[in-house]
Amino acid sequence: MITVPMNGVLRKVVKNRAEGVHSAIGLIADQSPPRREAVMHWFDFMGRPTAFYMGMEKMAMRFGMPVYWRCAV
């Protein structure tokens, strides 16, 4: 297991795929993404509008990766 900064995840995924390395990615994020529409999406969460990061979903779609979601409340 290694830790990769958020801005280096895409580069690491591309490198792993090129080298044939199988990997799993875990994302730990708070509920405060930057106020840029490109990186967040709004959902109704427990009756309140809440912003969520969108980066991992975009990467999963781009590379055909499965997504498993777990929310700790």
PDB file of N, CA and C in Angstrom:
ATOM      1  N   MET A   1       0.843  -1.158   0.000  1.00  0.00           N
ATOM      2  CA  MET A   1       0.000   0.000   0.000  1.00  0.00           C
ATOM      3  C   MET A   1       0.896   1.231   0.000  1.00  0.00           C
ATOM      4  N   ILE A   2       0.530   2.200  -0.820  1.00  0.00           N
ATOM      5  CA  ILE A   2       1.257   3.464  -0.839  1.00  0.00           C
ATOM      6  C   ILE A   2       0.255   4.611  -0.787  1.00  0.00           C
ATOM      7  N   THR A   3       0.705   5.739  -0.321  1.00  0.00           N
ATOM      8  CA  THR A   3      -0.115   6.945  -0.294  1.00  0.00           C
ATOM      9  C   THR A   3       0.307   7.830  -1.457  1.00  0.00           C
ATOM     10  N   VAL A   4      -0.670   8.318  -2.202  1.00  0.00           N
ATOM     11  CA  VAL A   4      -0.401   9.181  -3.347  1.00  0.00           C
ATOM     12  C   VAL A   4      -1.192  10.468  -3.153  1.00  0.00           C
ATOM     13  N   PRO A   5      -0.558  11.629  -3.289  1.00  0.00           N
ATOM     14  CA  PRO A   5      -1.298  12.890  -3.181  1.00  0.00           C
ATOM     15  C   PRO A   5      -2.384  12.974  -4.254  1.00  0.00           C
ATOM     16  N   MET A   6      -3.452  13.693  -3.949  1.00  0.00           N
ATOM     17  CA  MET A   6      -4.595  13.786  -4.845  1.00  0.00           C
ATOM     18  C   MET A   6      -4.200  14.207  -6.257  1.00  0.00           C
ATOM     19  N   ASN A   7      -3.268  15.141  -6.377  1.00  0.00           N
ATOM     20  CA  ASN A   7      -2.895  15.617  -7.719  1.00  0.00           C
ATOM     21  C   ASN A   7      -1.977  14.648  -8.464  1.00  0.00           C
ATOM     22  N   GLY A   8      -1.607  13.515  -7.844  1.00  0.00           N
ATOM     23  CA  GLY A   8      -0.767  12.539  -8.516  1.00  0.00           C
ATOM     24  C   GLY A   8      -1.451  11.210  -8.813  1.00  0.00           C
ATOM     25  N   VAL A   9      -2.731  11.088  -8.458  1.00  0.00           N
ATOM     26  CA  VAL A   9      -3.432   9.813  -8.614  1.00  0.00           C
ATOM     27  C   VAL A   9      -3.554   9.410 -10.083  1.00  0.00           C
ATOM     28  N   LEU A  10      -3.971  10.321 -10.931  1.00  0.00           N
ATOM     29  CA  LEU A  10      -4.135   9.992 -12.352  1.00  0.00           C
ATOM     30  C   LEU A  10      -2.813   9.517 -12.956  1.00  0.00           C
ATOM     31  N   ARG A  11      -1.745  10.209 -12.670  1.00  0.00           N
ATOM     32  CA  ARG A  11      -0.423   9.827 -13.181  1.00  0.00           C
ATOM     33  C   ARG A  11      -0.049   8.421 -12.702  1.00  0.00           C
ATOM     34  N   LYS A  12      -0.335   8.116 -11.432  1.00  0.00           N
ATOM     35  CA  LYS A  12      -0.008   6.803 -10.872  1.00  0.00           C
ATOM     36  C   LYS A  12      -0.853   5.706 -11.518  1.00  0.00           C
ATOM     37  N   VAL A  13      -2.126   5.969 -11.762  1.00  0.00           N
ATOM     38  CA  VAL A  13      -2.993   4.986 -12.419  1.00  0.00           C
ATOM     39  C   VAL A  13      -2.487   4.697 -13.829  1.00  0.00           C
ATOM     40  N   VAL A  14      -2.155   5.736 -14.564  1.00  0.00           N
ATOM     41  CA  VAL A  14      -1.650   5.552 -15.932  1.00  0.00           C
ATOM     42  C   VAL A  14      -0.354   4.741 -15.912  1.00  0.00           C
ATOM     43  N   LYS A  15       0.549   5.063 -14.994  1.00  0.00           N
ATOM     44  CA  LYS A  15       1.827   4.344 -14.889  1.00  0.00           C
ATOM     45  C   LYS A  15       1.593   2.881 -14.533  1.00  0.00           C
ATOM     46  N   ASN A  16       0.722   2.613 -13.552  1.00  0.00           N
ATOM     47  CA  ASN A  16       0.437   1.230 -13.156  1.00  0.00           C
ATOM     48  C   ASN A  16      -0.139   0.429 -14.314  1.00  0.00           C
ATOM     49  N   ARG A  17      -1.064   1.028 -15.054  1.00  0.00           N
ATOM     50  CA  ARG A  17      -1.682   0.326 -16.182  1.00  0.00           C
ATOM     51  C   ARG A  17      -0.640   0.028 -17.264  1.00  0.00           C
ATOM     52  N   ALA A  18       0.257   0.972 -17.537  1.00  0.00           N
ATOM     53  CA  ALA A  18       1.295   0.772 -18.548  1.00  0.00           C
ATOM     54  C   ALA A  18       2.256  -0.344 -18.142  1.00  0.00           C
ATOM     55  N   GLU A  19       2.491  -0.488 -16.840  1.00  0.00           N
ATOM     56  CA  GLU A  19       3.405  -1.517 -16.340  1.00  0.00           C
ATOM     57  C   GLU A  19       2.690  -2.830 -16.020  1.00  0.00           C
ATOM     58  N   GLY A  20       1.373  -2.887 -16.228  1.00  0.00           N
ATOM     59  CA  GLY A  20       0.611  -4.105 -15.947  1.00  0.00           C
ATOM     60  C   GLY A  20       0.394  -4.373 -14.474  1.00  0.00           C
ATOM     61  N   VAL A  21       0.501  -3.341 -13.657  1.00  0.00           N
ATOM     62  CA  VAL A  21       0.318  -3.478 -12.208  1.00  0.00           C
ATOM     63  C   VAL A  21      -1.158  -3.332 -11.876  1.00  0.00           C
ATOM     64  N   HIS A  22      -1.717  -4.336 -11.189  1.00  0.00           N
ATOM     65  CA  HIS A  22      -3.103  -4.259 -10.743  1.00  0.00           C
ATOM     66  C   HIS A  22      -3.148  -3.456  -9.450  1.00  0.00           C
ATOM     67  N   SER A  23      -4.152  -2.597  -9.319  1.00  0.00           N
ATOM     68  CA  SER A  23      -4.212  -1.774  -8.119  1.00  0.00           C
ATOM     69  C   SER A  23      -5.648  -1.462  -7.741  1.00  0.00           C
ATOM     70  N   ALA A  24      -5.823  -1.088  -6.504  1.00  0.00           N
ATOM     71  CA  ALA A  24      -7.102  -0.606  -5.994  1.00  0.00           C
ATOM     72  C   ALA A  24      -6.845   0.799  -5.455  1.00  0.00           C
ATOM     73  N   ILE A  25      -7.821   1.664  -5.622  1.00  0.00           N
ATOM     74  CA  ILE A  25      -7.664   3.045  -5.184  1.00  0.00           C
ATOM     75  C   ILE A  25      -8.702   3.338  -4.115  1.00  0.00           C
ATOM     76  N   GLY A  26      -8.267   3.855  -3.005  1.00  0.00           N
ATOM     77  CA  GLY A  26      -9.173   4.287  -1.939  1.00  0.00           C
ATOM     78  C   GLY A  26      -9.067   5.789  -1.803  1.00  0.00           C
ATOM     79  N   LEU A  27     -10.192   6.431  -1.677  1.00  0.00           N
ATOM     80  CA  LEU A  27     -10.219   7.890  -1.572  1.00  0.00           C
ATOM     81  C   LEU A  27     -10.773   8.276  -0.215  1.00  0.00           C
ATOM     82  N   ILE A  28     -10.037   9.090   0.493  1.00  0.00           N
ATOM     83  CA  ILE A  28     -10.511   9.631   1.754  1.00  0.00           C
ATOM     84  C   ILE A  28     -10.620  11.142   1.546  1.00  0.00           C
ATOM     85  N   ALA A  29     -11.834  11.650   1.633  1.00  0.00           N
ATOM     86  CA  ALA A  29     -12.054  13.073   1.357  1.00  0.00           C
ATOM     87  C   ALA A  29     -13.055  13.652   2.340  1.00  0.00           C
ATOM     88  N   ASP A  30     -12.933  14.922   2.579  1.00  0.00           N
ATOM     89  CA  ASP A  30     -13.915  15.581   3.436  1.00  0.00           C
ATOM     90  C   ASP A  30     -15.093  16.047   2.591  1.00  0.00           C
ATOM     91  N   GLN A  31     -16.019  16.704   3.190  1.00  0.00           N
ATOM     92  CA  GLN A  31     -17.220  17.151   2.491  1.00  0.00           C
ATOM     93  C   GLN A  31     -17.079  18.572   1.962  1.00  0.00           C
ATOM     94  N   SER A  32     -15.870  19.044   1.740  1.00  0.00           N
ATOM     95  CA  SER A  32     -15.672  20.416   1.289  1.00  0.00           C
ATOM     96  C   SER A  32     -14.773  20.486   0.069  1.00  0.00           C
ATOM     97  N   PRO A  33     -15.260  20.037  -1.095  1.00  0.00           N
ATOM     98  CA  PRO A  33     -14.426  20.174  -2.293  1.00  0.00           C
ATOM     99  C   PRO A  33     -14.259  21.637  -2.660  1.00  0.00           C
ATOM    100  N   PRO A  34     -13.229  21.960  -3.439  1.00  0.00           N
ATOM    101  CA  PRO A  34     -13.047  23.341  -3.870  1.00  0.00           C
ATOM    102  C   PRO A  34     -14.290  23.854  -4.596  1.00  0.00           C
ATOM    103  N   ARG A  35     -14.527  25.129  -4.533  1.00  0.00           N
ATOM    104  CA  ARG A  35     -15.720  25.729  -5.144  1.00  0.00           C
ATOM    105  C   ARG A  35     -15.552  25.914  -6.640  1.00  0.00           C
ATOM    106  N   ARG A  36     -15.244  24.814  -7.337  1.00  0.00           N
ATOM    107  CA  ARG A  36     -15.159  24.823  -8.798  1.00  0.00           C
ATOM    108  C   ARG A  36     -16.100  23.750  -9.305  1.00  0.00           C
ATOM    109  N   GLU A  37     -16.984  24.098 -10.182  1.00  0.00           N
ATOM    110  CA  GLU A  37     -17.974  23.152 -10.687  1.00  0.00           C
ATOM    111  C   GLU A  37     -17.343  21.922 -11.331  1.00  0.00           C
ATOM    112  N   ALA A  38     -16.125  22.046 -11.862  1.00  0.00           N
ATOM    113  CA  ALA A  38     -15.479  20.923 -12.555  1.00  0.00           C
ATOM    114  C   ALA A  38     -15.110  19.786 -11.602  1.00  0.00           C
ATOM    115  N   VAL A  39     -14.973  20.060 -10.314  1.00  0.00           N
ATOM    116  CA  VAL A  39     -14.535  19.020  -9.381  1.00  0.00           C
ATOM    117  C   VAL A  39     -15.611  18.621  -8.383  1.00  0.00           C
ATOM    118  N   MET A  40     -16.805  19.162  -8.487  1.00  0.00           N
ATOM    119  CA  MET A  40     -17.825  18.799  -7.514  1.00  0.00           C
ATOM    120  C   MET A  40     -19.192  18.632  -8.162  1.00  0.00           C
ATOM    121  N   HIS A  41     -20.037  17.878  -7.468  1.00  0.00           N
ATOM    122  CA  HIS A  41     -21.417  17.681  -7.894  1.00  0.00           C
ATOM    123  C   HIS A  41     -22.281  17.768  -6.646  1.00  0.00           C
ATOM    124  N   TRP A  42     -23.435  18.363  -6.776  1.00  0.00           N
ATOM    125  CA  TRP A  42     -24.315  18.549  -5.623  1.00  0.00           C
ATOM    126  C   TRP A  42     -25.357  17.446  -5.551  1.00  0.00           C
ATOM    127  N   PHE A  43     -25.524  16.857  -4.366  1.00  0.00           N
ATOM    128  CA  PHE A  43     -26.531  15.841  -4.091  1.00  0.00           C
ATOM    129  C   PHE A  43     -27.289  16.237  -2.832  1.00  0.00           C
ATOM    130  N   ASP A  44     -28.491  15.716  -2.701  1.00  0.00           N
ATOM    131  CA  ASP A  44     -29.253  15.885  -1.473  1.00  0.00           C
ATOM    132  C   ASP A  44     -28.810  14.765  -0.534  1.00  0.00           C
ATOM    133  N   PHE A  45     -28.104  15.094   0.523  1.00  0.00           N
ATOM    134  CA  PHE A  45     -27.566  14.116   1.458  1.00  0.00           C
ATOM    135  C   PHE A  45     -28.161  14.375   2.833  1.00  0.00           C
ATOM    136  N   MET A  46     -28.975  13.452   3.298  1.00  0.00           N
ATOM    137  CA  MET A  46     -29.653  13.579   4.587  1.00  0.00           C
ATOM    138  C   MET A  46     -30.464  14.875   4.667  1.00  0.00           C
ATOM    139  N   GLY A  47     -31.120  15.199   3.555  1.00  0.00           N
ATOM    140  CA  GLY A  47     -31.999  16.361   3.517  1.00  0.00           C
ATOM    141  C   GLY A  47     -31.308  17.693   3.299  1.00  0.00           C
ATOM    142  N   ARG A  48     -30.012  17.674   3.038  1.00  0.00           N
ATOM    143  CA  ARG A  48     -29.271  18.922   2.842  1.00  0.00           C
ATOM    144  C   ARG A  48     -28.470  18.859   1.551  1.00  0.00           C
ATOM    145  N   PRO A  49     -28.433  19.951   0.771  1.00  0.00           N
ATOM    146  CA  PRO A  49     -27.580  19.962  -0.418  1.00  0.00           C
ATOM    147  C   PRO A  49     -26.107  19.879  -0.006  1.00  0.00           C
ATOM    148  N   THR A  50     -25.392  18.921  -0.601  1.00  0.00           N
ATOM    149  CA  THR A  50     -24.006  18.657  -0.209  1.00  0.00           C
ATOM    150  C   THR A  50     -23.156  18.459  -1.451  1.00  0.00           C
ATOM    151  N   ALA A  51     -21.974  19.062  -1.468  1.00  0.00           N
ATOM    152  CA  ALA A  51     -21.053  18.931  -2.594  1.00  0.00           C
ATOM    153  C   ALA A  51     -20.179  17.699  -2.412  1.00  0.00           C
ATOM    154  N   PHE A  52     -19.946  16.957  -3.504  1.00  0.00           N
ATOM    155  CA  PHE A  52     -19.091  15.778  -3.508  1.00  0.00           C
ATOM    156  C   PHE A  52     -18.047  15.924  -4.607  1.00  0.00           C
ATOM    157  N   TYR A  53     -16.865  15.345  -4.371  1.00  0.00           N
ATOM    158  CA  TYR A  53     -15.824  15.303  -5.397  1.00  0.00           C
ATOM    159  C   TYR A  53     -16.282  14.442  -6.566  1.00  0.00           C
ATOM    160  N   MET A  54     -15.875  14.792  -7.783  1.00  0.00           N
ATOM    161  CA  MET A  54     -16.236  14.021  -8.966  1.00  0.00           C
ATOM    162  C   MET A  54     -15.029  13.373  -9.648  1.00  0.00           C
ATOM    163  N   GLY A  55     -13.837  13.630  -9.207  1.00  0.00           N
ATOM    164  CA  GLY A  55     -12.641  13.157  -9.901  1.00  0.00           C
ATOM    165  C   GLY A  55     -12.547  11.659 -10.056  1.00  0.00           C
ATOM    166  N   MET A  56     -12.824  10.899  -9.009  1.00  0.00           N
ATOM    167  CA  MET A  56     -12.685   9.449  -9.088  1.00  0.00           C
ATOM    168  C   MET A  56     -13.698   8.840 -10.049  1.00  0.00           C
ATOM    169  N   GLU A  57     -14.909   9.389 -10.094  1.00  0.00           N
ATOM    170  CA  GLU A  57     -15.913   8.875 -11.021  1.00  0.00           C
ATOM    171  C   GLU A  57     -15.459   9.063 -12.466  1.00  0.00           C
ATOM    172  N   LYS A  58     -14.903  10.229 -12.751  1.00  0.00           N
ATOM    173  CA  LYS A  58     -14.419  10.506 -14.109  1.00  0.00           C
ATOM    174  C   LYS A  58     -13.285   9.558 -14.487  1.00  0.00           C
ATOM    175  N   MET A  59     -12.370   9.317 -13.549  1.00  0.00           N
ATOM    176  CA  MET A  59     -11.249   8.425 -13.822  1.00  0.00           C
ATOM    177  C   MET A  59     -11.752   6.987 -14.010  1.00  0.00           C
ATOM    178  N   ALA A  60     -12.688   6.549 -13.186  1.00  0.00           N
ATOM    179  CA  ALA A  60     -13.227   5.199 -13.311  1.00  0.00           C
ATOM    180  C   ALA A  60     -13.891   5.006 -14.671  1.00  0.00           C
ATOM    181  N   MET A  61     -14.643   5.998 -15.120  1.00  0.00           N
ATOM    182  CA  MET A  61     -15.293   5.900 -16.422  1.00  0.00           C
ATOM    183  C   MET A  61     -14.262   5.880 -17.547  1.00  0.00           C
ATOM    184  N   ARG A  62     -13.238   6.708 -17.431  1.00  0.00           N
ATOM    185  CA  ARG A  62     -12.203   6.792 -18.470  1.00  0.00           C
ATOM    186  C   ARG A  62     -11.457   5.475 -18.638  1.00  0.00           C
ATOM    187  N   PHE A  63     -11.165   4.790 -17.518  1.00  0.00           N
ATOM    188  CA  PHE A  63     -10.373   3.570 -17.569  1.00  0.00           C
ATOM    189  C   PHE A  63     -11.194   2.297 -17.421  1.00  0.00           C
ATOM    190  N   GLY A  64     -12.525   2.412 -17.362  1.00  0.00           N
ATOM    191  CA  GLY A  64     -13.373   1.231 -17.226  1.00  0.00           C
ATOM    192  C   GLY A  64     -13.167   0.508 -15.914  1.00  0.00           C
ATOM    193  N   MET A  65     -12.954   1.262 -14.826  1.00  0.00           N
ATOM    194  CA  MET A  65     -12.694   0.677 -13.514  1.00  0.00           C
ATOM    195  C   MET A  65     -14.007   0.548 -12.733  1.00  0.00           C
ATOM    196  N   PRO A  66     -14.197  -0.541 -11.982  1.00  0.00           N
ATOM    197  CA  PRO A  66     -15.397  -0.654 -11.141  1.00  0.00           C
ATOM    198  C   PRO A  66     -15.310   0.306  -9.960  1.00  0.00           C
ATOM    199  N   VAL A  67     -16.464   0.728  -9.453  1.00  0.00           N
ATOM    200  CA  VAL A  67     -16.516   1.659  -8.327  1.00  0.00           C
ATOM    201  C   VAL A  67     -17.350   1.030  -7.210  1.00  0.00           C
ATOM    202  N   TYR A  68     -16.817   1.052  -6.012  1.00  0.00           N
ATOM    203  CA  TYR A  68     -17.519   0.610  -4.817  1.00  0.00           C
ATOM    204  C   TYR A  68     -17.559   1.800  -3.872  1.00  0.00           C
ATOM    205  N   TRP A  69     -18.729   2.120  -3.393  1.00  0.00           N
ATOM    206  CA  TRP A  69     -18.890   3.330  -2.581  1.00  0.00           C
ATOM    207  C   TRP A  69     -19.304   2.974  -1.180  1.00  0.00           C
ATOM    208  N   ARG A  70     -18.676   3.602  -0.208  1.00  0.00           N
ATOM    209  CA  ARG A  70     -19.004   3.403   1.189  1.00  0.00           C
ATOM    210  C   ARG A  70     -19.013   4.749   1.866  1.00  0.00           C
ATOM    211  N   CYS A  71     -20.093   5.064   2.520  1.00  0.00           N
ATOM    212  CA  CYS A  71     -20.197   6.335   3.237  1.00  0.00           C
ATOM    213  C   CYS A  71     -20.277   6.044   4.722  1.00  0.00           C
ATOM    214  N   ALA A  72     -19.351   6.586   5.469  1.00  0.00           N
ATOM    215  CA  ALA A  72     -19.389   6.446   6.920  1.00  0.00           C
ATOM    216  C   ALA A  72     -20.115   7.649   7.490  1.00  0.00           C
ATOM    217  N   VAL A  73     -21.244   7.390   8.117  1.00  0.00           N
ATOM    218  CA  VAL A  73     -22.045   8.502   8.669  1.00  0.00           C
ATOM    219  C   VAL A  73     -21.934   8.495  10.166  1.00  0.00           C
TER     220      VAL A  73
END
